[in-house]
């Protein structure tokens, strides 16, 4: 990353953006060496992108027990990656990871990220995400089932809110009641 020339930067930037979600999730690995190295490389990626990562990214405790920290991390990544990568799709892939800490963090991120991504992206992918989350409601790990049910609720709530906003906007235009 450090050796990238200015002309290659755009090409490398897309690869760096694609690596953010895996690095963030693997920073939650059971293996301390993997988690530490993931955080180190994530820091390098952030420096390359000229981003200042939230301090919560460096938390060594499991993020699933710290919802406020997760909210700040998701807000940061949701806003920074908007229009650049499909962060929900990337995170959804890891909801099937064999390692429980990775799955748990991915599912938690999916639910919270739904508040920070483009509503049209959520509308396009919403049913796929909901189906994947419903499958996780049958997971043998109780903590994952709880997080999956919360994520499913959040996804459905955000989708319903955006649909009602569209209907309200359409009705306002139809009746000319209020300026939009």
C-alpha atoms as a PDB file:
ATOM      1  CA  UNK A   1       0.000   0.000   0.000  1.00  0.00           C
ATOM      2  CA  UNK A   2       2.789   2.412   0.901  1.00  0.00           C
ATOM      3  CA  UNK A   3       4.584   1.874  -2.423  1.00  0.00           C
ATOM      4  CA  UNK A   4       1.598   2.735  -4.633  1.00  0.00           C
ATOM      5  CA  UNK A   5       2.311   5.458  -7.139  1.00  0.00           C
ATOM      6  CA  UNK A   6      -0.163   8.266  -7.677  1.00  0.00           C
ATOM      7  CA  UNK A   7      -1.230   6.883 -11.088  1.00  0.00           C
ATOM      8  CA  UNK A   8      -2.072   3.476  -9.614  1.00  0.00           C
ATOM      9  CA  UNK A   9      -3.913   4.872  -6.621  1.00  0.00           C
ATOM     10  CA  UNK A  10      -7.473   4.667  -8.056  1.00  0.00           C
ATOM     11  CA  UNK A  11      -6.974   1.052  -9.102  1.00  0.00           C
ATOM     12  CA  UNK A  12      -5.574   0.101  -5.716  1.00  0.00           C
ATOM     13  CA  UNK A  13      -8.235   2.110  -3.889  1.00  0.00           C
ATOM     14  CA  UNK A  14     -11.003  -0.248  -5.034  1.00  0.00           C
ATOM     15  CA  UNK A  15      -9.032  -3.251  -3.745  1.00  0.00           C
ATOM     16  CA  UNK A  16      -8.399  -1.505  -0.453  1.00  0.00           C
ATOM     17  CA  UNK A  17     -12.108  -0.663  -0.101  1.00  0.00           C
ATOM     18  CA  UNK A  18     -13.008  -4.293  -0.809  1.00  0.00           C
ATOM     19  CA  UNK A  19     -10.675  -5.443   1.974  1.00  0.00           C
ATOM     20  CA  UNK A  20     -12.169  -3.249   4.707  1.00  0.00           C
ATOM     21  CA  UNK A  21     -15.107  -5.465   5.703  1.00  0.00           C
ATOM     22  CA  UNK A  22     -13.066  -8.684   5.942  1.00  0.00           C
ATOM     23  CA  UNK A  23     -10.370  -6.902   7.952  1.00  0.00           C
ATOM     24  CA  UNK A  24     -12.921  -5.339  10.262  1.00  0.00           C
ATOM     25  CA  UNK A  25     -14.659  -8.667  10.847  1.00  0.00           C
ATOM     26  CA  UNK A  26     -11.442 -10.623  11.323  1.00  0.00           C
ATOM     27  CA  UNK A  27     -10.363  -8.079  13.926  1.00  0.00           C
ATOM     28  CA  UNK A  28     -12.929  -9.979  16.030  1.00  0.00           C
ATOM     29  CA  UNK A  29     -11.302 -13.399  15.493  1.00  0.00           C
ATOM     30  CA  UNK A  30     -10.739 -15.740  18.453  1.00  0.00           C
ATOM     31  CA  UNK A  31      -7.102 -16.009  17.472  1.00  0.00           C
ATOM     32  CA  UNK A  32      -5.428 -12.929  18.951  1.00  0.00           C
ATOM     33  CA  UNK A  33      -2.691 -12.923  16.299  1.00  0.00           C
ATOM     34  CA  UNK A  34      -5.241 -12.819  13.469  1.00  0.00           C
ATOM     35  CA  UNK A  35      -7.272 -10.121  15.226  1.00  0.00           C
ATOM     36  CA  UNK A  36      -4.196  -7.994  15.922  1.00  0.00           C
ATOM     37  CA  UNK A  37      -2.872  -8.304  12.360  1.00  0.00           C
ATOM     38  CA  UNK A  38      -6.308  -7.473  10.939  1.00  0.00           C
ATOM     39  CA  UNK A  39      -6.413  -4.281  13.000  1.00  0.00           C
ATOM     40  CA  UNK A  40      -2.872  -3.396  11.892  1.00  0.00           C
ATOM     41  CA  UNK A  41      -3.665  -3.850   8.183  1.00  0.00           C
ATOM     42  CA  UNK A  42      -6.978  -2.034   8.625  1.00  0.00           C
ATOM     43  CA  UNK A  43      -4.998   0.908  10.003  1.00  0.00           C
ATOM     44  CA  UNK A  44      -2.732   0.860   6.935  1.00  0.00           C
ATOM     45  CA  UNK A  45      -5.767   0.794   4.651  1.00  0.00           C
ATOM     46  CA  UNK A  46      -7.301   3.733   6.497  1.00  0.00           C
ATOM     47  CA  UNK A  47      -4.054   5.682   6.142  1.00  0.00           C
ATOM     48  CA  UNK A  48      -4.032   4.952   2.415  1.00  0.00           C
ATOM     49  CA  UNK A  49      -7.629   6.187   2.115  1.00  0.00           C
ATOM     50  CA  UNK A  50      -6.846   9.157   4.380  1.00  0.00           C
ATOM     51  CA  UNK A  51      -9.524   8.060   6.831  1.00  0.00           C
ATOM     52  CA  UNK A  52      -9.364   8.438  10.596  1.00  0.00           C
ATOM     53  CA  UNK A  53     -10.875   5.246  11.966  1.00  0.00           C
ATOM     54  CA  UNK A  54     -13.074   5.463  15.048  1.00  0.00           C
ATOM     55  CA  UNK A  55     -11.212   4.310  18.159  1.00  0.00           C
ATOM     56  CA  UNK A  56     -13.820   1.567  18.644  1.00  0.00           C
ATOM     57  CA  UNK A  57     -12.260  -0.332  15.724  1.00  0.00           C
ATOM     58  CA  UNK A  58      -9.265  -1.041  17.960  1.00  0.00           C
ATOM     59  CA  UNK A  59     -11.347  -2.450  20.799  1.00  0.00           C
ATOM     60  CA  UNK A  60     -10.043  -5.864  21.834  1.00  0.00           C
ATOM     61  CA  UNK A  61     -13.285  -6.851  23.535  1.00  0.00           C
ATOM     62  CA  UNK A  62     -15.925  -8.553  21.393  1.00  0.00           C
ATOM     63  CA  UNK A  63     -17.962  -5.874  19.656  1.00  0.00           C
ATOM     64  CA  UNK A  64     -21.203  -7.824  20.003  1.00  0.00           C
ATOM     65  CA  UNK A  65     -21.250  -6.972  23.716  1.00  0.00           C
ATOM     66  CA  UNK A  66     -20.806  -3.243  22.988  1.00  0.00           C
ATOM     67  CA  UNK A  67     -23.720  -2.053  20.826  1.00  0.00           C
ATOM     68  CA  UNK A  68     -22.878   1.663  21.087  1.00  0.00           C
ATOM     69  CA  UNK A  69     -19.360   1.035  19.823  1.00  0.00           C
ATOM     70  CA  UNK A  70     -20.727  -1.045  16.957  1.00  0.00           C
ATOM     71  CA  UNK A  71     -23.137   1.748  16.069  1.00  0.00           C
ATOM     72  CA  UNK A  72     -20.257   4.239  15.768  1.00  0.00           C
ATOM     73  CA  UNK A  73     -18.187   1.820  13.660  1.00  0.00           C
ATOM     74  CA  UNK A  74     -21.142   1.045  11.376  1.00  0.00           C
ATOM     75  CA  UNK A  75     -22.013   4.715  10.967  1.00  0.00           C
ATOM     76  CA  UNK A  76     -18.411   5.485  10.018  1.00  0.00           C
ATOM     77  CA  UNK A  77     -18.109   2.670   7.470  1.00  0.00           C
ATOM     78  CA  UNK A  78     -21.630   3.156   6.127  1.00  0.00           C
ATOM     79  CA  UNK A  79     -21.021   6.844   5.453  1.00  0.00           C
ATOM     80  CA  UNK A  80     -17.457   6.498   4.158  1.00  0.00           C
ATOM     81  CA  UNK A  81     -18.198   3.635   1.778  1.00  0.00           C
ATOM     82  CA  UNK A  82     -21.529   4.957   0.437  1.00  0.00           C
ATOM     83  CA  UNK A  83     -21.513   4.710  -3.351  1.00  0.00           C
ATOM     84  CA  UNK A  84     -18.089   3.036  -3.404  1.00  0.00           C
ATOM     85  CA  UNK A  85     -18.721  -0.544  -2.319  1.00  0.00           C
ATOM     86  CA  UNK A  86     -21.745  -2.596  -1.389  1.00  0.00           C
ATOM     87  CA  UNK A  87     -20.930  -2.957   2.268  1.00  0.00           C
ATOM     88  CA  UNK A  88     -24.103  -4.930   3.091  1.00  0.00           C
ATOM     89  CA  UNK A  89     -23.368  -7.583   0.458  1.00  0.00           C
ATOM     90  CA  UNK A  90     -19.811  -7.921   1.677  1.00  0.00           C
ATOM     91  CA  UNK A  91     -20.882  -8.243   5.288  1.00  0.00           C
ATOM     92  CA  UNK A  92     -23.642 -10.709   4.432  1.00  0.00           C
ATOM     93  CA  UNK A  93     -21.081 -13.114   2.942  1.00  0.00           C
ATOM     94  CA  UNK A  94     -19.457 -13.413   6.360  1.00  0.00           C
ATOM     95  CA  UNK A  95     -22.720 -14.268   8.108  1.00  0.00           C
ATOM     96  CA  UNK A  96     -22.018 -17.842   6.970  1.00  0.00           C
ATOM     97  CA  UNK A  97     -18.393 -17.938   8.139  1.00  0.00           C
ATOM     98  CA  UNK A  98     -17.508 -21.095  10.091  1.00  0.00           C
ATOM     99  CA  UNK A  99     -16.045 -19.031  12.956  1.00  0.00           C
ATOM    100  CA  UNK A 100     -18.706 -17.885  15.417  1.00  0.00           C
ATOM    101  CA  UNK A 101     -17.110 -14.509  16.331  1.00  0.00           C
ATOM    102  CA  UNK A 102     -16.966 -13.556  12.639  1.00  0.00           C
ATOM    103  CA  UNK A 103     -20.571 -14.667  11.997  1.00  0.00           C
ATOM    104  CA  UNK A 104     -21.832 -12.925  15.102  1.00  0.00           C
ATOM    105  CA  UNK A 105     -20.101  -9.636  14.267  1.00  0.00           C
ATOM    106  CA  UNK A 106     -21.220  -9.791  10.620  1.00  0.00           C
ATOM    107  CA  UNK A 107     -24.864 -10.286  11.582  1.00  0.00           C
ATOM    108  CA  UNK A 108     -24.691  -7.506  14.153  1.00  0.00           C
ATOM    109  CA  UNK A 109     -23.149  -5.173  11.556  1.00  0.00           C
ATOM    110  CA  UNK A 110     -25.844  -6.047   8.992  1.00  0.00           C
ATOM    111  CA  UNK A 111     -28.608  -4.971  11.336  1.00  0.00           C
ATOM    112  CA  UNK A 112     -26.947  -1.742  12.386  1.00  0.00           C
ATOM    113  CA  UNK A 113     -25.558  -0.890   8.931  1.00  0.00           C
ATOM    114  CA  UNK A 114     -29.124  -0.891   7.616  1.00  0.00           C
ATOM    115  CA  UNK A 115     -29.521   2.539   9.242  1.00  0.00           C
ATOM    116  CA  UNK A 116     -26.554   3.984   7.353  1.00  0.00           C
ATOM    117  CA  UNK A 117     -26.771   2.616   3.821  1.00  0.00           C
ATOM    118  CA  UNK A 118     -28.679   3.965   0.857  1.00  0.00           C
ATOM    119  CA  UNK A 119     -32.361   2.958   1.260  1.00  0.00           C
ATOM    120  CA  UNK A 120     -32.546   1.983  -2.422  1.00  0.00           C
ATOM    121  CA  UNK A 121     -29.682  -0.471  -1.864  1.00  0.00           C
ATOM    122  CA  UNK A 122     -31.549  -1.935   1.071  1.00  0.00           C
ATOM    123  CA  UNK A 123     -34.734  -2.176  -0.980  1.00  0.00           C
ATOM    124  CA  UNK A 124     -32.934  -4.075  -3.763  1.00  0.00           C
ATOM    125  CA  UNK A 125     -31.191  -6.463  -1.393  1.00  0.00           C
ATOM    126  CA  UNK A 126     -33.712  -6.490   1.440  1.00  0.00           C
ATOM    127  CA  UNK A 127     -35.458  -9.777   0.751  1.00  0.00           C
ATOM    128  CA  UNK A 128     -32.159 -11.613   0.195  1.00  0.00           C
ATOM    129  CA  UNK A 129     -30.819 -10.227   3.448  1.00  0.00           C
ATOM    130  CA  UNK A 130     -34.028 -11.118   5.272  1.00  0.00           C
ATOM    131  CA  UNK A 131     -33.933 -14.683   3.924  1.00  0.00           C
ATOM    132  CA  UNK A 132     -30.318 -15.138   5.019  1.00  0.00           C
ATOM    133  CA  UNK A 133     -31.111 -13.750   8.458  1.00  0.00           C
ATOM    134  CA  UNK A 134     -34.143 -16.040   8.785  1.00  0.00           C
ATOM    135  CA  UNK A 135     -31.863 -19.025   8.138  1.00  0.00           C
ATOM    136  CA  UNK A 136     -29.638 -17.853  10.984  1.00  0.00           C
ATOM    137  CA  UNK A 137     -32.617 -17.965  13.347  1.00  0.00           C
ATOM    138  CA  UNK A 138     -32.065 -21.744  13.255  1.00  0.00           C
ATOM    139  CA  UNK A 139     -28.353 -21.540  14.142  1.00  0.00           C
ATOM    140  CA  UNK A 140     -27.330 -23.793  17.045  1.00  0.00           C
ATOM    141  CA  UNK A 141     -25.661 -20.841  18.829  1.00  0.00           C
ATOM    142  CA  UNK A 142     -28.258 -18.953  20.942  1.00  0.00           C
ATOM    143  CA  UNK A 143     -26.354 -15.648  20.912  1.00  0.00           C
ATOM    144  CA  UNK A 144     -26.290 -15.685  17.106  1.00  0.00           C
ATOM    145  CA  UNK A 145     -30.028 -16.403  16.939  1.00  0.00           C
ATOM    146  CA  UNK A 146     -30.720 -13.389  19.173  1.00  0.00           C
ATOM    147  CA  UNK A 147     -28.484 -11.088  17.124  1.00  0.00           C
ATOM    148  CA  UNK A 148     -30.028 -12.406  13.876  1.00  0.00           C
ATOM    149  CA  UNK A 149     -33.563 -11.707  15.121  1.00  0.00           C
ATOM    150  CA  UNK A 150     -32.538  -8.164  16.111  1.00  0.00           C
ATOM    151  CA  UNK A 151     -30.878  -7.606  12.727  1.00  0.00           C
ATOM    152  CA  UNK A 152     -33.947  -8.934  10.907  1.00  0.00           C
ATOM    153  CA  UNK A 153     -36.165  -6.555  12.881  1.00  0.00           C
ATOM    154  CA  UNK A 154     -33.892  -3.592  12.067  1.00  0.00           C
ATOM    155  CA  UNK A 155     -33.802  -4.434   8.341  1.00  0.00           C
ATOM    156  CA  UNK A 156     -37.588  -4.747   8.192  1.00  0.00           C
ATOM    157  CA  UNK A 157     -38.086  -1.520  10.158  1.00  0.00           C
ATOM    158  CA  UNK A 158     -35.761   0.496   7.908  1.00  0.00           C
ATOM    159  CA  UNK A 159     -37.381  -0.921   4.757  1.00  0.00           C
ATOM    160  CA  UNK A 160     -40.863  -0.109   6.050  1.00  0.00           C
ATOM    161  CA  UNK A 161     -39.835   3.419   7.072  1.00  0.00           C
ATOM    162  CA  UNK A 162     -38.352   4.168   3.657  1.00  0.00           C
ATOM    163  CA  UNK A 163     -41.460   2.794   1.903  1.00  0.00           C
ATOM    164  CA  UNK A 164     -43.764   4.935   4.062  1.00  0.00           C
ATOM    165  CA  UNK A 165     -41.616   8.021   3.346  1.00  0.00           C
ATOM    166  CA  UNK A 166     -41.946   7.355  -0.386  1.00  0.00           C
ATOM    167  CA  UNK A 167     -45.740   6.985  -0.053  1.00  0.00           C
ATOM    168  CA  UNK A 168     -46.014  10.171   2.003  1.00  0.00           C
ATOM    169  CA  UNK A 169     -43.907  12.097  -0.498  1.00  0.00           C
ATOM    170  CA  UNK A 170     -46.034  10.793  -3.373  1.00  0.00           C
ATOM    171  CA  UNK A 171     -49.279  11.750  -1.602  1.00  0.00           C
ATOM    172  CA  UNK A 172     -47.971  15.242  -0.839  1.00  0.00           C
ATOM    173  CA  UNK A 173     -47.117  15.757  -4.480  1.00  0.00           C
ATOM    174  CA  UNK A 174     -50.464  14.346  -5.586  1.00  0.00           C
ATOM    175  CA  UNK A 175     -52.513  16.630  -3.381  1.00  0.00           C
ATOM    176  CA  UNK A 176     -50.124  19.577  -3.539  1.00  0.00           C
ATOM    177  CA  UNK A 177     -50.616  20.039   0.193  1.00  0.00           C
ATOM    178  CA  UNK A 178     -47.075  20.653   1.261  1.00  0.00           C
ATOM    179  CA  UNK A 179     -43.898  21.682  -0.444  1.00  0.00           C
ATOM    180  CA  UNK A 180     -41.407  18.849  -0.860  1.00  0.00           C
END
